[in-house]
């Protein structure tokens, strides 16, 4: 909340909630391997990274992700998995374990990312061919809620 307040001159409830969720996602990979203090640090880092990731995905990559799911789950999941190699109480780089766990975590996270991106690409290509993924510009401007449900979700 503090970062969204400083960055956008007002607190953002959605960014605050996504920041909390990003912290939880980030610590999930190493929850059994890190100390409580390390868990807080990993969660805080993921909460901050999520805000910048949402902006990057939306403005630079021009990907429409209205709820920030790619940032919260993809970016912070990847980051939390890699940070386990830094903060693990046994084997983590910051606790005298060297780079072996960090490199294993990085390799695993990259492999998962490549697999998920590849499978996602295949899935969306098939869906696009079978059903189509885009609506017309008129429907998009009018609002998908009106088109699909006959009413607006927001006033």
Protein backbone atom coordinates (compact mmCIF):
# COMPACT_ATOMS: atom_id res chain seq x y z
CA UNK A 1 0.00 0.00 0.00
CA UNK A 2 2.81 2.40 0.84
CA UNK A 3 4.50 1.92 -2.52
CA UNK A 4 1.24 2.42 -4.43
CA UNK A 5 0.60 5.57 -2.37
CA UNK A 6 4.06 6.98 -3.12
CA UNK A 7 4.02 5.92 -6.78
CA UNK A 8 0.46 6.98 -7.66
CA UNK A 9 -0.26 9.64 -4.98
CA UNK A 10 -3.07 7.55 -3.52
CA UNK A 11 -3.38 4.12 -1.94
CA UNK A 12 -4.69 1.40 -4.23
CA UNK A 13 -6.82 -1.34 -2.72
CA UNK A 14 -6.35 -3.68 -5.70
CA UNK A 15 -2.55 -3.23 -5.71
CA UNK A 16 -2.46 -3.70 -1.93
CA UNK A 17 -4.42 -6.95 -2.15
CA UNK A 18 -2.34 -8.14 -5.09
CA UNK A 19 0.81 -7.23 -3.15
CA UNK A 20 -0.33 -9.40 -0.24
CA UNK A 21 -1.14 -12.24 -2.62
CA UNK A 22 2.20 -11.77 -4.42
CA UNK A 23 4.02 -12.15 -1.10
CA UNK A 24 2.12 -15.34 -0.34
CA UNK A 25 2.82 -16.73 -3.81
CA UNK A 26 6.49 -15.79 -3.51
CA UNK A 27 7.03 -17.62 -0.25
CA UNK A 28 5.10 -20.75 -1.23
CA UNK A 29 8.04 -22.41 -3.02
CA UNK A 30 10.36 -22.25 -0.04
CA UNK A 31 8.01 -22.09 2.92
CA UNK A 32 9.51 -25.20 4.50
CA UNK A 33 13.11 -24.15 3.88
CA UNK A 34 13.36 -20.54 5.06
CA UNK A 35 13.17 -18.82 8.44
CA UNK A 36 10.20 -16.59 9.33
CA UNK A 37 12.34 -13.47 8.80
CA UNK A 38 13.46 -14.71 5.39
CA UNK A 39 9.81 -15.42 4.54
CA UNK A 40 8.90 -11.81 5.36
CA UNK A 41 11.79 -10.53 3.23
CA UNK A 42 10.82 -12.73 0.27
CA UNK A 43 7.17 -11.67 0.61
CA UNK A 44 8.07 -7.98 0.78
CA UNK A 45 10.33 -8.21 -2.27
CA UNK A 46 7.59 -9.97 -4.23
CA UNK A 47 5.03 -7.36 -3.18
CA UNK A 48 7.24 -4.56 -4.51
CA UNK A 49 8.22 -6.41 -7.69
CA UNK A 50 4.55 -7.12 -8.43
CA UNK A 51 3.73 -3.40 -8.77
CA UNK A 52 6.51 -2.82 -11.29
CA UNK A 53 5.72 -6.07 -13.08
CA UNK A 54 2.06 -5.11 -13.57
CA UNK A 55 3.20 -1.83 -15.12
CA UNK A 56 5.79 -3.55 -17.35
CA UNK A 57 3.38 -6.20 -18.62
CA UNK A 58 0.68 -3.62 -19.33
CA UNK A 59 2.71 -0.73 -20.76
CA UNK A 60 5.81 -2.33 -22.31
CA UNK A 61 4.57 -5.76 -23.37
CA UNK A 62 1.06 -4.38 -24.05
CA UNK A 63 -0.60 -7.47 -22.60
CA UNK A 64 -4.09 -6.99 -21.19
CA UNK A 65 -4.05 -8.49 -17.70
CA UNK A 66 -6.80 -6.63 -15.82
CA UNK A 67 -6.28 -8.41 -12.49
CA UNK A 68 -2.47 -8.69 -12.60
CA UNK A 69 -2.51 -12.49 -12.48
CA UNK A 70 0.61 -12.83 -14.64
CA UNK A 71 2.56 -10.62 -12.27
CA UNK A 72 1.23 -12.11 -9.06
CA UNK A 73 1.47 -15.76 -10.01
CA UNK A 74 3.98 -15.90 -12.87
CA UNK A 75 6.57 -13.30 -11.95
CA UNK A 76 6.33 -13.66 -8.17
CA UNK A 77 6.12 -17.46 -8.35
CA UNK A 78 9.29 -17.49 -10.44
CA UNK A 79 11.00 -14.98 -8.15
CA UNK A 80 10.02 -16.83 -4.98
CA UNK A 81 11.30 -20.11 -6.40
CA UNK A 82 14.66 -18.54 -7.25
CA UNK A 83 14.91 -16.69 -3.92
CA UNK A 84 14.56 -20.01 -2.12
CA UNK A 85 18.10 -20.67 -3.38
CA UNK A 86 19.22 -17.49 -1.64
CA UNK A 87 17.32 -17.70 1.66
CA UNK A 88 17.07 -21.44 2.44
CA UNK A 89 18.34 -22.03 5.97
CA UNK A 90 20.23 -25.09 4.76
CA UNK A 91 21.93 -24.73 1.39
CA UNK A 92 20.90 -21.14 0.63
CA UNK A 93 23.56 -18.79 -0.73
CA UNK A 94 23.03 -16.24 2.08
CA UNK A 95 23.48 -18.96 4.70
CA UNK A 96 26.75 -20.42 3.47
CA UNK A 97 25.37 -23.02 1.10
CA UNK A 98 27.09 -21.87 -2.06
CA UNK A 99 25.44 -21.58 -5.44
CA UNK A 100 24.28 -25.16 -6.04
CA UNK A 101 20.76 -24.72 -4.63
CA UNK A 102 20.39 -21.30 -6.25
CA UNK A 103 21.35 -22.69 -9.66
CA UNK A 104 19.03 -25.68 -9.22
CA UNK A 105 16.14 -23.38 -8.28
CA UNK A 106 16.89 -21.08 -11.22
CA UNK A 107 17.05 -24.01 -13.65
CA UNK A 108 13.82 -25.47 -12.31
CA UNK A 109 12.01 -22.14 -12.45
CA UNK A 110 13.18 -21.53 -16.03
CA UNK A 111 12.12 -25.03 -17.06
CA UNK A 112 8.67 -24.55 -15.54
CA UNK A 113 8.38 -21.15 -17.25
CA UNK A 114 9.31 -22.56 -20.66
CA UNK A 115 6.89 -25.47 -20.25
CA UNK A 116 4.03 -23.21 -19.09
CA UNK A 117 4.64 -20.70 -21.89
CA UNK A 118 4.77 -23.44 -24.51
CA UNK A 119 1.65 -25.19 -23.28
CA UNK A 120 -0.15 -21.87 -22.91
CA UNK A 121 0.77 -20.91 -26.47
CA UNK A 122 -0.55 -24.21 -27.82
CA UNK A 123 -3.74 -23.97 -25.76
CA UNK A 124 -4.50 -20.40 -26.83
CA UNK A 125 -3.75 -21.14 -30.49
CA UNK A 126 -6.19 -24.06 -30.42
CA UNK A 127 -8.83 -21.98 -28.61
CA UNK A 128 -8.36 -19.14 -31.09
CA UNK A 129 -8.88 -21.49 -34.05
CA UNK A 130 -11.86 -23.31 -32.51
CA UNK A 131 -13.75 -20.51 -30.78
CA UNK A 132 -11.82 -17.27 -31.22
CA UNK A 133 -10.26 -15.28 -28.40
CA UNK A 134 -11.24 -11.73 -29.37
CA UNK A 135 -14.59 -10.03 -29.49
CA UNK A 136 -15.39 -7.30 -31.99
CA UNK A 137 -14.35 -3.72 -31.25
CA UNK A 138 -18.03 -2.77 -30.79
CA UNK A 139 -18.58 -5.44 -28.14
CA UNK A 140 -15.33 -4.50 -26.39
CA UNK A 141 -16.34 -0.82 -26.27
CA UNK A 142 -19.88 -1.62 -25.15
CA UNK A 143 -18.60 -3.97 -22.48
CA UNK A 144 -18.36 -7.74 -22.42
CA UNK A 145 -20.64 -7.94 -19.37
CA UNK A 146 -23.48 -6.36 -21.33
CA UNK A 147 -22.87 -8.63 -24.31
CA UNK A 148 -22.61 -11.88 -22.32
CA UNK A 149 -24.88 -11.21 -19.34
CA UNK A 150 -27.19 -8.43 -20.47
CA UNK A 151 -26.09 -6.07 -17.70
CA UNK A 152 -23.10 -4.01 -16.64
CA UNK A 153 -20.96 -5.21 -13.75
CA UNK A 154 -20.01 -1.62 -12.88
CA UNK A 155 -22.04 1.58 -12.86
